[in-house]
C-alpha atoms as a PDB file:
ATOM      1  CA  MET A   1      83.566 101.396 112.840  1.00  0.00           C
ATOM      2  CA  PRO A   2      81.003  99.894 114.900  1.00  0.00           C
ATOM      3  CA  ASN A   3      77.678 101.808 113.259  1.00  0.00           C
ATOM      4  CA  VAL A   4      75.669  98.758 113.077  1.00  0.00           C
ATOM      5  CA  ALA A   5      74.614  95.381 114.664  1.00  0.00           C
ATOM      6  CA  PHE A   6      73.593  92.340 112.926  1.00  0.00           C
ATOM      7  CA  PHE A   7      71.968  89.647 115.321  1.00  0.00           C
ATOM      8  CA  ALA A   8      71.066  85.932 113.520  1.00  0.00           C
ATOM      9  CA  PRO A   9      68.517  83.794 115.083  1.00  0.00           C
ATOM     10  CA  GLN A  10      69.352  80.516 116.068  1.00  0.00           C
ATOM     11  CA  GLY A  11      68.287  77.263 114.586  1.00  0.00           C
ATOM     12  CA  ASN A  12      66.175  78.767 111.433  1.00  0.00           C
ATOM     13  CA  ASN A  13      67.044  80.478 108.144  1.00  0.00           C
ATOM     14  CA  THR A  14      65.478  83.837 108.549  1.00  0.00           C
ATOM     15  CA  GLU A  15      67.613  87.012 107.387  1.00  0.00           C
ATOM     16  CA  PRO A  16      69.772  88.845 110.428  1.00  0.00           C
ATOM     17  CA  THR A  17      67.962  91.578 111.920  1.00  0.00           C
ATOM     18  CA  THR A  18      70.007  94.539 111.346  1.00  0.00           C
ATOM     19  CA  TYR A  19      70.251  97.188 114.827  1.00  0.00           C
ATOM     20  CA  HIS A  20      71.472 100.859 114.817  1.00  0.00           C
ATOM     21  CA  PRO A  21      72.751 102.869 117.786  1.00  0.00           C
ATOM     22  CA  PHE A  22      69.810 103.414 120.159  1.00  0.00           C
ATOM     23  CA  ASP A  23      67.812 101.175 118.768  1.00  0.00           C
ATOM     24  CA  ILE A  24      69.429  98.549 121.604  1.00  0.00           C
ATOM     25  CA  LEU A  25      70.765 100.132 124.260  1.00  0.00           C
ATOM     26  CA  GLY A  26      73.967  97.764 123.699  1.00  0.00           C
ATOM     27  CA  TYR A  27      75.146  94.151 122.768  1.00  0.00           C
ATOM     28  CA  ARG A  28      78.024  91.860 123.943  1.00  0.00           C
ATOM     29  CA  PHE A  29      80.097  88.757 122.908  1.00  0.00           C
ATOM     30  CA  THR A  30      79.716  85.926 125.077  1.00  0.00           C
ATOM     31  CA  ASP A  31      83.313  84.223 123.622  1.00  0.00           C
ATOM     32  CA  ASP A  32      85.770  87.036 124.466  1.00  0.00           C
ATOM     33  CA  GLY A  33      83.385  89.342 126.683  1.00  0.00           C
ATOM     34  CA  LYS A  34      83.404  92.245 124.373  1.00  0.00           C
ATOM     35  CA  TYR A  35      80.744  95.058 124.899  1.00  0.00           C
ATOM     36  CA  TYR A  36      79.117  97.922 123.001  1.00  0.00           C
ATOM     37  CA  VAL A  37      76.706 100.433 124.167  1.00  0.00           C
ATOM     38  CA  SER A  38      74.790 103.220 122.351  1.00  0.00           C
ATOM     39  CA  LYS A  39      76.644 106.657 122.861  1.00  0.00           C
ATOM     40  CA  ASN A  40      76.473 109.486 121.366  1.00  0.00           C
ATOM     41  CA  ILE A  41      79.976 111.354 120.039  1.00  0.00           C
ATOM     42  CA  GLU A  42      81.507 114.343 118.400  1.00  0.00           C
ATOM     43  CA  LEU A  43      84.228 113.434 116.187  1.00  0.00           C
ATOM     44  CA  GLN A  44      83.806 117.341 114.795  1.00  0.00           C
ATOM     45  CA  TYR A  45      83.380 119.342 117.477  1.00  0.00           C
ATOM     46  CA  GLY A  46      79.510 120.494 117.727  1.00  0.00           C
ATOM     47  CA  VAL A  47      78.408 117.171 115.210  1.00  0.00           C
ATOM     48  CA  PRO A  48      77.021 114.639 117.442  1.00  0.00           C
ATOM     49  CA  LYS A  49      77.024 111.120 115.530  1.00  0.00           C
ATOM     50  CA  PRO A  50      75.295 107.974 117.291  1.00  0.00           C
ATOM     51  CA  VAL A  51      77.920 104.947 117.280  1.00  0.00           C
ATOM     52  CA  PHE A  52      77.987 101.782 119.194  1.00  0.00           C
ATOM     53  CA  LEU A  53      80.998 102.453 121.447  1.00  0.00           C
ATOM     54  CA  GLU A  54      83.249  99.290 122.760  1.00  0.00           C
ATOM     55  CA  TYR A  55      82.790  99.398 126.938  1.00  0.00           C
ATOM     56  CA  LEU A  56      86.541  98.708 128.294  1.00  0.00           C
ATOM     57  CA  LEU A  57      86.138  99.656 132.178  1.00  0.00           C
ATOM     58  CA  GLN A  58      83.116 100.718 134.314  1.00  0.00           C
ATOM     59  CA  GLY A  59      83.882 101.844 137.441  1.00  0.00           C
ATOM     60  CA  MET A  60      84.174 105.606 139.209  1.00  0.00           C
ATOM     61  CA  LYS A  61      84.710 106.839 135.674  1.00  0.00           C
ATOM     62  CA  SER A  62      84.113 104.431 132.868  1.00  0.00           C
ATOM     63  CA  LEU A  63      86.473 103.948 129.752  1.00  0.00           C
ATOM     64  CA  TYR A  64      84.999 103.435 126.023  1.00  0.00           C
ATOM     65  CA  PHE A  65      87.206 102.509 122.814  1.00  0.00           C
ATOM     66  CA  TYR A  66      86.206 103.560 118.851  1.00  0.00           C
ATOM     67  CA  GLU A  67      87.993 103.158 115.849  1.00  0.00           C
ATOM     68  CA  THR A  68      86.926 105.612 112.533  1.00  0.00           C
ATOM     69  CA  GLU A  69      86.668 104.770 109.197  1.00  0.00           C
ATOM     70  CA  GLU A  70      90.133 105.514 109.007  1.00  0.00           C
ATOM     71  CA  ASP A  71      91.707 103.136 111.580  1.00  0.00           C
ATOM     72  CA  ILE A  72      92.100 105.986 114.021  1.00  0.00           C
ATOM     73  CA  PRO A  73      91.701 104.791 117.635  1.00  0.00           C
ATOM     74  CA  ILE A  74      89.868 107.154 120.075  1.00  0.00           C
ATOM     75  CA  TYR A  75      89.330 106.507 123.208  1.00  0.00           C
ATOM     76  CA  PHE A  76      86.560 108.338 125.926  1.00  0.00           C
ATOM     77  CA  VAL A  77      86.366 109.015 129.442  1.00  0.00           C
ATOM     78  CA  GLU A  78      82.899 109.386 130.863  1.00  0.00           C
ATOM     79  CA  SER A  79      82.020 110.893 134.170  1.00  0.00           C
ATOM     80  CA  ASN A  80      78.544 112.120 135.233  1.00  0.00           C
ATOM     81  CA  HIS A  81      77.211 111.379 131.582  1.00  0.00           C
ATOM     82  CA  LEU A  82      80.076 113.911 130.010  1.00  0.00           C
ATOM     83  CA  LEU A  83      82.252 111.983 127.840  1.00  0.00           C
ATOM     84  CA  VAL A  84      85.505 113.555 127.202  1.00  0.00           C
ATOM     85  CA  LYS A  85      87.556 112.969 123.775  1.00  0.00           C
ATOM     86  CA  ILE A  86      91.271 110.939 124.457  1.00  0.00           C
ATOM     87  CA  ASP A  87      92.691 110.952 120.670  1.00  0.00           C
ATOM     88  CA  ALA A  88      95.409 112.209 118.415  1.00  0.00           C
ATOM     89  CA  PRO A  89      98.519 111.257 120.472  1.00  0.00           C
ATOM     90  CA  LYS A  90     100.895 113.787 118.229  1.00  0.00           C
ATOM     91  CA  LEU A  91     100.348 117.347 117.644  1.00  0.00           C
ATOM     92  CA  SER A  92     102.613 119.509 115.081  1.00  0.00           C
ATOM     93  CA  LYS A  93     105.206 121.470 116.216  1.00  0.00           C
ATOM     94  CA  GLN A  94     103.545 124.717 118.344  1.00  0.00           C
ATOM     95  CA  THR A  95     104.311 128.127 117.228  1.00  0.00           C
ATOM     96  CA  THR A  96     104.452 130.392 120.392  1.00  0.00           C
ATOM     97  CA  GLY A  97     106.579 132.124 122.534  1.00  0.00           C
ATOM     98  CA  LEU A  98     106.702 129.450 125.099  1.00  0.00           C
ATOM     99  CA  GLN A  99     108.650 126.538 124.779  1.00  0.00           C
ATOM    100  CA  PHE A 100     107.381 123.158 123.212  1.00  0.00           C
ATOM    101  CA  LYS A 101     108.716 119.709 122.251  1.00  0.00           C
ATOM    102  CA  ASN A 102     109.205 119.513 118.881  1.00  0.00           C
ATOM    103  CA  GLN A 103     106.202 116.784 118.763  1.00  0.00           C
ATOM    104  CA  THR A 104     103.674 117.678 121.359  1.00  0.00           C
ATOM    105  CA  ASP A 105     101.695 114.757 123.469  1.00  0.00           C
ATOM    106  CA  ARG A 106      97.904 115.903 123.102  1.00  0.00           C
ATOM    107  CA  TYR A 107      96.508 113.523 124.824  1.00  0.00           C
ATOM    108  CA  ILE A 108      98.188 114.245 128.082  1.00  0.00           C
ATOM    109  CA  PRO A 109      96.366 116.951 128.849  1.00  0.00           C
ATOM    110  CA  GLN A 110      93.047 115.749 127.870  1.00  0.00           C
ATOM    111  CA  LEU A 111      93.888 113.063 130.256  1.00  0.00           C
ATOM    112  CA  HIS A 112      95.133 115.658 132.940  1.00  0.00           C
ATOM    113  CA  TYR A 113      91.013 116.951 132.620  1.00  0.00           C
ATOM    114  CA  ALA A 114      89.739 113.651 132.325  1.00  0.00           C
ATOM    115  CA  PHE A 115      91.174 112.761 135.754  1.00  0.00           C
ATOM    116  CA  LYS A 116      91.530 116.435 137.215  1.00  0.00           C
ATOM    117  CA  ASP A 117      90.073 115.629 140.864  1.00  0.00           C
ATOM    118  CA  CYS A 118      92.785 112.889 141.276  1.00  0.00           C
ATOM    119  CA  PRO A 119      96.305 115.021 141.598  1.00  0.00           C
ATOM    120  CA  SER A 120      97.733 111.579 142.878  1.00  0.00           C
ATOM    121  CA  LEU A 121      97.557 110.314 139.268  1.00  0.00           C
ATOM    122  CA  GLU A 122      99.478 113.309 137.554  1.00  0.00           C
ATOM    123  CA  PRO A 123     102.710 111.861 137.475  1.00  0.00           C
ATOM    124  CA  GLN A 124     101.646 108.822 135.674  1.00  0.00           C
ATOM    125  CA  ILE A 125      99.804 110.633 133.380  1.00  0.00           C
ATOM    126  CA  ASP A 126     102.759 112.499 132.348  1.00  0.00           C
ATOM    127  CA  ARG A 127     104.503 109.097 131.039  1.00  0.00           C
ATOM    128  CA  ALA A 128     101.489 107.395 129.749  1.00  0.00           C
ATOM    129  CA  HIS A 129     101.924 106.042 126.168  1.00  0.00           C
ATOM    130  CA  PHE A 130      98.873 106.464 124.124  1.00  0.00           C
ATOM    131  CA  SER A 131      97.737 102.795 124.118  1.00  0.00           C
ATOM    132  CA  ARG A 132      94.878 100.924 125.311  1.00  0.00           C
ATOM    133  CA  LYS A 133      96.717  99.190 128.018  1.00  0.00           C
ATOM    134  CA  GLU A 134      98.289 102.318 129.416  1.00  0.00           C
ATOM    135  CA  LEU A 135      94.980 104.271 129.616  1.00  0.00           C
ATOM    136  CA  MET A 136      93.060 100.852 131.610  1.00  0.00           C
ATOM    137  CA  LYS A 137      95.726 101.088 134.174  1.00  0.00           C
ATOM    138  CA  ILE A 138      94.882 104.848 134.615  1.00  0.00           C
ATOM    139  CA  THR A 139      91.622 104.530 134.266  1.00  0.00           C
ATOM    140  CA  LYS A 140      91.267 101.113 137.219  1.00  0.00           C
ATOM    141  CA  GLU A 141      93.721 103.067 139.515  1.00  0.00           C
ATOM    142  CA  TYR A 142      91.608 106.217 139.512  1.00  0.00           C
ATOM    143  CA  HIS A 143      88.847 103.976 140.433  1.00  0.00           C
ATOM    144  CA  TYR A 144      90.510 102.073 143.172  1.00  0.00           C
ATOM    145  CA  ALA A 145      91.844 106.154 144.433  1.00  0.00           C
ATOM    146  CA  THR A 146      88.323 107.506 144.643  1.00  0.00           C
ATOM    147  CA  CYS A 147      85.919 104.312 145.281  1.00  0.00           C
ATOM    148  CA  THR A 148      84.859 104.483 148.580  1.00  0.00           C
ATOM    149  CA  SER A 149      83.088 101.585 149.113  1.00  0.00           C
ATOM    150  CA  ASN A 150      85.029  99.171 148.058  1.00  0.00           C
ATOM    151  CA  GLU A 151      83.678  97.974 144.544  1.00  0.00           C
ATOM    152  CA  ALA A 152      85.566  96.194 142.091  1.00  0.00           C
ATOM    153  CA  CYS A 153      86.428  98.134 138.623  1.00  0.00           C
ATOM    154  CA  ILE A 154      84.559  96.309 136.068  1.00  0.00           C
ATOM    155  CA  GLU A 155      86.549  95.142 133.318  1.00  0.00           C
ATOM    156  CA  PHE A 156      84.581  94.088 130.182  1.00  0.00           C
ATOM    157  CA  GLU A 157      87.539  93.048 127.735  1.00  0.00           C
ATOM    158  CA  THR A 158      90.001  90.565 129.411  1.00  0.00           C
ATOM    159  CA  LYS A 159      91.679  90.099 125.683  1.00  0.00           C
ATOM    160  CA  GLU A 160      93.518  92.024 123.634  1.00  0.00           C
ATOM    161  CA  ASP A 161      91.661  92.704 120.167  1.00  0.00           C
ATOM    162  CA  LYS A 162      92.630  89.636 118.097  1.00  0.00           C
ATOM    163  CA  HIS A 163      92.334  91.953 115.027  1.00  0.00           C
ATOM    164  CA  SER A 164      94.920  94.439 116.235  1.00  0.00           C
ATOM    165  CA  ILE A 165      97.485  92.638 113.950  1.00  0.00           C
ATOM    166  CA  GLN A 166      96.794  92.447 110.708  1.00  0.00           C
ATOM    167  CA  LEU A 167      98.254  90.437 107.821  1.00  0.00           C
ATOM    168  CA  ASP A 168      98.206  91.067 104.384  1.00  0.00           C
ATOM    169  CA  ILE A 169      98.906  88.179 101.721  1.00  0.00           C
ATOM    170  CA  THR A 170      99.474  89.242  98.347  1.00  0.00           C
ATOM    171  CA  PRO A 171     100.594  87.015  95.400  1.00  0.00           C
ATOM    172  CA  TYR A 172     101.381  88.334  92.513  1.00  0.00           C
ATOM    173  CA  ALA A 173     102.600  87.846  89.342  1.00  0.00           C
ATOM    174  CA  GLY A 174     104.574  90.307  86.213  1.00  0.00           C
ATOM    175  CA  ILE A 175     107.071  90.918  84.322  1.00  0.00           C
ATOM    176  CA  ILE A 176     110.826  91.540  84.803  1.00  0.00           C
ATOM    177  CA  GLN A 177     113.914  93.535  82.788  1.00  0.00           C
ATOM    178  CA  TYR A 178     116.851  92.807  84.041  1.00  0.00           C
ATOM    179  CA  ASN A 179     120.267  95.330  82.861  1.00  0.00           C
ATOM    180  CA  VAL A 180     124.055  94.909  83.818  1.00  0.00           C
ATOM    181  CA  PRO A 181     125.859  98.208  85.132  1.00  0.00           C
ATOM    182  CA  SER A 182     128.855  99.310  84.033  1.00  0.00           C
ATOM    183  CA  GLY A 183     131.983  97.257  85.285  1.00  0.00           C
ATOM    184  CA  SER A 184     129.615  94.377  86.498  1.00  0.00           C
ATOM    185  CA  SER A 185     131.194  90.669  86.651  1.00  0.00           C
ATOM    186  CA  ILE A 186     127.914  89.099  85.310  1.00  0.00           C
ATOM    187  CA  GLY A 187     129.887  88.812  82.517  1.00  0.00           C
ATOM    188  CA  LEU A 188     126.460  88.476  79.972  1.00  0.00           C
ATOM    189  CA  TYR A 189     127.531  88.468  76.591  1.00  0.00           C
ATOM    190  CA  SER A 190     124.661  90.518  75.171  1.00  0.00           C
ATOM    191  CA  SER A 191     121.601  92.292  77.173  1.00  0.00           C
ATOM    192  CA  PRO A 192     119.572  90.284  79.139  1.00  0.00           C
ATOM    193  CA  ASP A 193     115.771  88.867  77.948  1.00  0.00           C
ATOM    194  CA  LEU A 194     112.306  90.290  79.158  1.00  0.00           C
ATOM    195  CA  SER A 195     111.352  87.644  81.796  1.00  0.00           C
ATOM    196  CA  TYR A 196     108.579  86.619  84.357  1.00  0.00           C
ATOM    197  CA  LEU A 197     108.543  87.246  88.216  1.00  0.00           C
ATOM    198  CA  ALA A 198     106.131  85.990  90.424  1.00  0.00           C
ATOM    199  CA  GLY A 199     106.113  85.610  94.162  1.00  0.00           C
ATOM    200  CA  VAL A 200     104.317  86.763  97.064  1.00  0.00           C
ATOM    201  CA  THR A 201     104.834  89.643  99.810  1.00  0.00           C
ATOM    202  CA  LEU A 202     103.249  89.584 103.589  1.00  0.00           C
ATOM    203  CA  ALA A 203     103.018  92.737 105.032  1.00  0.00           C
ATOM    204  CA  ILE A 204     102.265  93.029 108.705  1.00  0.00           C
ATOM    205  CA  SER A 205     100.676  96.144 110.577  1.00  0.00           C
ATOM    206  CA  ASN A 206      99.042  97.049 113.858  1.00  0.00           C
ATOM    207  CA  LYS A 207      96.033  99.358 113.652  1.00  0.00           C
ATOM    208  CA  ARG A 208      96.336 100.025 117.377  1.00  0.00           C
ATOM    209  CA  TRP A 209      99.929 101.450 116.617  1.00  0.00           C
ATOM    210  CA  MET A 210     100.076 102.844 113.317  1.00  0.00           C
ATOM    211  CA  SER A 211      98.418 100.758 110.480  1.00  0.00           C
ATOM    212  CA  SER A 212      99.689 103.096 107.421  1.00  0.00           C
ATOM    213  CA  LEU A 213     103.204 101.763 108.184  1.00  0.00           C
ATOM    214  CA  SER A 214     103.410  97.918 107.084  1.00  0.00           C
ATOM    215  CA  GLY A 215     106.571  95.364 107.564  1.00  0.00           C
ATOM    216  CA  CYS A 216     107.080  93.642 104.641  1.00  0.00           C
ATOM    217  CA  PHE A 217     108.673  89.948 103.263  1.00  0.00           C
ATOM    218  CA  ASP A 218     108.695  89.012 100.202  1.00  0.00           C
ATOM    219  CA  VAL A 219     109.734  85.810  98.128  1.00  0.00           C
ATOM    220  CA  SER A 220     109.928  86.033  94.667  1.00  0.00           C
ATOM    221  CA  LEU A 221     111.190  84.221  91.469  1.00  0.00           C
ATOM    222  CA  SER A 222     112.678  85.195  87.838  1.00  0.00           C
ATOM    223  CA  ARG A 223     115.116  84.302  85.191  1.00  0.00           C
ATOM    224  CA  ILE A 224     117.773  86.054  83.618  1.00  0.00           C
ATOM    225  CA  THR A 225     118.787  84.516  80.159  1.00  0.00           C
ATOM    226  CA  SER A 226     120.788  85.795  77.562  1.00  0.00           C
ATOM    227  CA  SER A 227     122.143  84.607  74.018  1.00  0.00           C
ATOM    228  CA  ALA A 228     124.959  85.452  71.303  1.00  0.00           C
ATOM    229  CA  ARG A 229     126.320  84.812  68.263  1.00  0.00           C
ATOM    230  CA  SER A 230     130.151  85.432  67.309  1.00  0.00           C
ATOM    231  CA  SER A 231     130.865  87.094  64.982  1.00  0.00           C
ATOM    232  CA  ASP A 232     132.314  84.532  62.805  1.00  0.00           C
ATOM    233  CA  GLU A 233     129.515  82.171  63.957  1.00  0.00           C
ATOM    234  CA  ASN A 234     131.644  79.709  65.250  1.00  0.00           C
ATOM    235  CA  TYR A 235     130.442  79.960  68.512  1.00  0.00           C
ATOM    236  CA  THR A 236     127.021  80.765  70.530  1.00  0.00           C
ATOM    237  CA  TYR A 237     126.817  81.598  73.702  1.00  0.00           C
ATOM    238  CA  LYS A 238     123.589  80.978  76.324  1.00  0.00           C
ATOM    239  CA  GLN A 239     123.379  82.051  80.055  1.00  0.00           C
ATOM    240  CA  SER A 240     120.720  81.067  82.061  1.00  0.00           C
ATOM    241  CA  GLY A 241     119.366  80.673  85.500  1.00  0.00           C
ATOM    242  CA  THR A 242     116.440  81.143  88.090  1.00  0.00           C
ATOM    243  CA  MET A 243     116.914  83.909  90.566  1.00  0.00           C
ATOM    244  CA  LEU A 244     115.378  83.055  94.306  1.00  0.00           C
ATOM    245  CA  SER A 245     115.065  86.638  95.778  1.00  0.00           C
ATOM    246  CA  GLY A 246     114.022  87.296  99.307  1.00  0.00           C
ATOM    247  CA  LYS A 247     113.460  90.743 100.504  1.00  0.00           C
ATOM    248  CA  LEU A 248     112.440  92.782 103.718  1.00  0.00           C
ATOM    249  CA  GLY A 249     111.416  96.129 104.215  1.00  0.00           C
ATOM    250  CA  ILE A 250     109.428  99.014 105.502  1.00  0.00           C
ATOM    251  CA  ARG A 251     105.944 100.141 103.188  1.00  0.00           C
ATOM    252  CA  TYR A 252     104.032 103.430 104.194  1.00  0.00           C
ATOM    253  CA  THR A 253     100.225 103.312 102.848  1.00  0.00           C
ATOM    254  CA  TYR A 254      97.878 106.461 102.389  1.00  0.00           C
ATOM    255  CA  PRO A 255      95.170 105.087 104.905  1.00  0.00           C
ATOM    256  CA  LYS A 256      92.142 106.497 103.563  1.00  0.00           C
ATOM    257  CA  GLY A 257      89.733 105.380 100.901  1.00  0.00           C
ATOM    258  CA  MET A 258      89.211 102.899  98.274  1.00  0.00           C
ATOM    259  CA  VAL A 259      92.102 103.860  96.592  1.00  0.00           C
ATOM    260  CA  ARG A 260      95.452 103.600  98.366  1.00  0.00           C
ATOM    261  CA  PRO A 261      99.035 104.412  97.278  1.00  0.00           C
ATOM    262  CA  PHE A 262     101.662 103.333  98.820  1.00  0.00           C
ATOM    263  CA  VAL A 263     105.485 103.578  98.854  1.00  0.00           C
ATOM    264  CA  GLU A 264     108.197 100.965 100.077  1.00  0.00           C
ATOM    265  CA  LEU A 265     111.968 100.456 100.407  1.00  0.00           C
ATOM    266  CA  GLY A 266     114.095  97.945 102.043  1.00  0.00           C
ATOM    267  CA  ALA A 267     117.051  95.193 101.477  1.00  0.00           C
ATOM    268  CA  ASP A 268     117.177  92.265  98.871  1.00  0.00           C
ATOM    269  CA  ILE A 269     119.037  89.147  99.128  1.00  0.00           C
ATOM    270  CA  SER A 270     119.319  87.293  96.027  1.00  0.00           C
ATOM    271  CA  GLY A 271     120.916  84.170  94.519  1.00  0.00           C
ATOM    272  CA  MET A 272     120.686  81.577  91.451  1.00  0.00           C
ATOM    273  CA  ILE A 273     119.475  78.647  91.149  1.00  0.00           C
ATOM    274  CA  ASN A 274     120.713  76.114  88.419  1.00  0.00           C
ATOM    275  CA  ALA A 275     122.541  78.905  86.702  1.00  0.00           C
ATOM    276  CA  LYS A 276     124.828  77.835  83.929  1.00  0.00           C
ATOM    277  CA  ILE A 277     126.747  79.019  81.138  1.00  0.00           C
ATOM    278  CA  LYS A 278     126.874  77.302  77.729  1.00  0.00           C
ATOM    279  CA  THR A 279     129.016  77.618  75.041  1.00  0.00           C
ATOM    280  CA  ASN A 280     128.471  75.536  71.874  1.00  0.00           C
ATOM    281  CA  ASP A 281     128.213  72.262  73.545  1.00  0.00           C
ATOM    282  CA  LYS A 282     129.771  73.146  76.439  1.00  0.00           C
ATOM    283  CA  SER A 283     128.146  73.791  79.883  1.00  0.00           C
ATOM    284  CA  GLU A 284     129.466  75.423  83.295  1.00  0.00           C
ATOM    285  CA  ARG A 285     127.955  76.563  86.216  1.00  0.00           C
ATOM    286  CA  TRP A 286     127.576  80.466  86.457  1.00  0.00           C
ATOM    287  CA  LEU A 287     127.015  83.268  89.070  1.00  0.00           C
ATOM    288  CA  ASP A 288     127.384  80.934  92.083  1.00  0.00           C
ATOM    289  CA  GLY A 289     127.084  82.601  95.684  1.00  0.00           C
ATOM    290  CA  VAL A 290     124.244  85.030  97.487  1.00  0.00           C
ATOM    291  CA  TYR A 291     123.990  88.726  96.710  1.00  0.00           C
ATOM    292  CA  PRO A 292     122.900  91.533  98.845  1.00  0.00           C
ATOM    293  CA  GLY A 293     121.396  94.675  97.363  1.00  0.00           C
ATOM    294  CA  TYR A 294     118.295  96.730  97.676  1.00  0.00           C
ATOM    295  CA  TYR A 295     114.706  97.317  96.163  1.00  0.00           C
ATOM    296  CA  ALA A 296     112.081 100.464  96.128  1.00  0.00           C
ATOM    297  CA  ASN A 297     108.722 100.297  94.809  1.00  0.00           C
ATOM    298  CA  ALA A 298     105.564 102.412  94.568  1.00  0.00           C
ATOM    299  CA  GLY A 299     101.986 101.392  93.895  1.00  0.00           C
ATOM    300  CA  VAL A 300      98.334 101.427  94.540  1.00  0.00           C
ATOM    301  CA  ASN A 301      96.217  99.587  96.455  1.00  0.00           C
ATOM    302  CA  PHE A 302      92.244  99.428  94.643  1.00  0.00           C
ATOM    303  CA  LYS A 303      90.088  98.260  97.872  1.00  0.00           C
ATOM    304  CA  LEU A 304      87.362  95.921  96.352  1.00  0.00           C
ATOM    305  CA  SER A 305      85.350  96.811  99.871  1.00  0.00           C
ATOM    306  CA  ARG A 306      84.812  99.407 102.043  1.00  0.00           C
ATOM    307  CA  LYS A 307      84.508  96.618 105.066  1.00  0.00           C
ATOM    308  CA  ASN A 308      86.330  94.002 103.736  1.00  0.00           C
ATOM    309  CA  LYS A 309      90.749  94.273 102.778  1.00  0.00           C
ATOM    310  CA  GLN A 310      90.209  92.277  99.735  1.00  0.00           C
ATOM    311  CA  MET A 311      92.379  94.547  97.159  1.00  0.00           C
ATOM    312  CA  ILE A 312      94.032  94.492  93.488  1.00  0.00           C
ATOM    313  CA  CYS A 313      97.919  95.865  94.006  1.00  0.00           C
ATOM    314  CA  VAL A 314      99.453  97.385  91.180  1.00  0.00           C
ATOM    315  CA  ARG A 315     103.254  98.079  91.751  1.00  0.00           C
ATOM    316  CA  ALA A 316     106.736  99.239  90.069  1.00  0.00           C
ATOM    317  CA  GLN A 317     109.649  98.158  91.589  1.00  0.00           C
ATOM    318  CA  PHE A 318     113.463  99.062  90.769  1.00  0.00           C
ATOM    319  CA  LYS A 319     116.221  96.227  92.687  1.00  0.00           C
ATOM    320  CA  GLY A 320     119.817  96.811  92.405  1.00  0.00           C
ATOM    321  CA  LEU A 321     122.279  93.647  93.655  1.00  0.00           C
ATOM    322  CA  ARG A 322     125.745  94.271  94.421  1.00  0.00           C
ATOM    323  CA  ASP A 323     128.921  91.788  93.821  1.00  0.00           C
ATOM    324  CA  MET A 324     130.913  92.372  97.424  1.00  0.00           C
ATOM    325  CA  MET A 325     133.985  90.365  96.284  1.00  0.00           C
ATOM    326  CA  GLU A 326     134.283  92.966  93.071  1.00  0.00           C
ATOM    327  CA  LYS A 327     133.050  95.727  95.251  1.00  0.00           C
ATOM    328  CA  SER A 328     131.235  96.660  92.274  1.00  0.00           C
ATOM    329  CA  GLY A 329     126.891  96.329  90.828  1.00  0.00           C
ATOM    330  CA  LEU A 330     126.006  93.069  89.885  1.00  0.00           C
ATOM    331  CA  VAL A 331     122.633  93.442  88.137  1.00  0.00           C
ATOM    332  CA  ASN A 332     119.591  96.257  88.108  1.00  0.00           C
ATOM    333  CA  GLY A 333     115.902  94.988  87.142  1.00  0.00           C
ATOM    334  CA  TRP A 334     113.080  97.172  86.867  1.00  0.00           C
ATOM    335  CA  SER A 335     109.622  95.386  87.422  1.00  0.00           C
ATOM    336  CA  GLY A 336     105.724  95.696  86.760  1.00  0.00           C
ATOM    337  CA  VAL A 337     103.532  93.317  88.720  1.00  0.00           C
ATOM    338  CA  ILE A 338      99.648  93.010  89.701  1.00  0.00           C
ATOM    339  CA  GLY A 339      98.434  90.934  92.502  1.00  0.00           C
ATOM    340  CA  TYR A 340      95.788  90.330  94.533  1.00  0.00           C
ATOM    341  CA  THR A 341      95.363  91.111  98.238  1.00  0.00           C
ATOM    342  CA  PHE A 342      93.310  89.008 100.950  1.00  0.00           C
END
């Protein structure tokens, strides 16, 4: 959200100078060519807001980009000092006597209005996707179709935004309680003990596409232990092993505010490391193999800063594993963890 710019003088330790929109006309980065200019925009009807807009293209019509606090992308097409807002890829279903698609592309009529003086672009606009690449392409083609002086269309950004792909890393620790469903082949002589759970989650999202959806990969370690004694106390039984789990899933996170709830669902693949069953002094291997399953979780991310992505994550999760040979549930687990996202 470019509403303020900081400039630090080189070669000394003075404090950086702060500039707000219209304190300066604009500024530019020399490393990647990004260019920002002061403009008044209307995010709400009739309420002008001074901001620094990212300047994408300068031509017969100019194209700008802005991203809200909620990571919502908005484009502006400028013609004769008038800004036409291109936003909101989807509208809800229309309830009129006319026939509409279930999801109407709102930006399509906005683009038709912005480029109404170039009918040759209409077929391309009808097929356009709501993306930076597509809107830049349409704006450039408009320029070359209408420019009579053969001036080149100036492109201020030649690189895709490096920050459009966001990777969140969350190491975590907590506890997990395993239980054995009826008919399981796990063979425990007693209920599993409460165990530790530690791991790390990688969440990948694209702010330009849909920042509320993330693809998640998770690796964790936990223990399954159980011990019992026979009724005549002649035998003691002890089962133990370390479970290595890998998960792959999809997460939805509420994209606004400092407190952001999320839900996640996906597949789990788990295997045992150094798993043994011990009867008195006799020990043998236990639970060899890899077991597929599923997981579902819900939690809350508490943002530590409005500007940075650091968060405290609190999460509860259920997982279920199956024995594919026996065609039955192997083990279930409930867990609770706390983690730090950076």
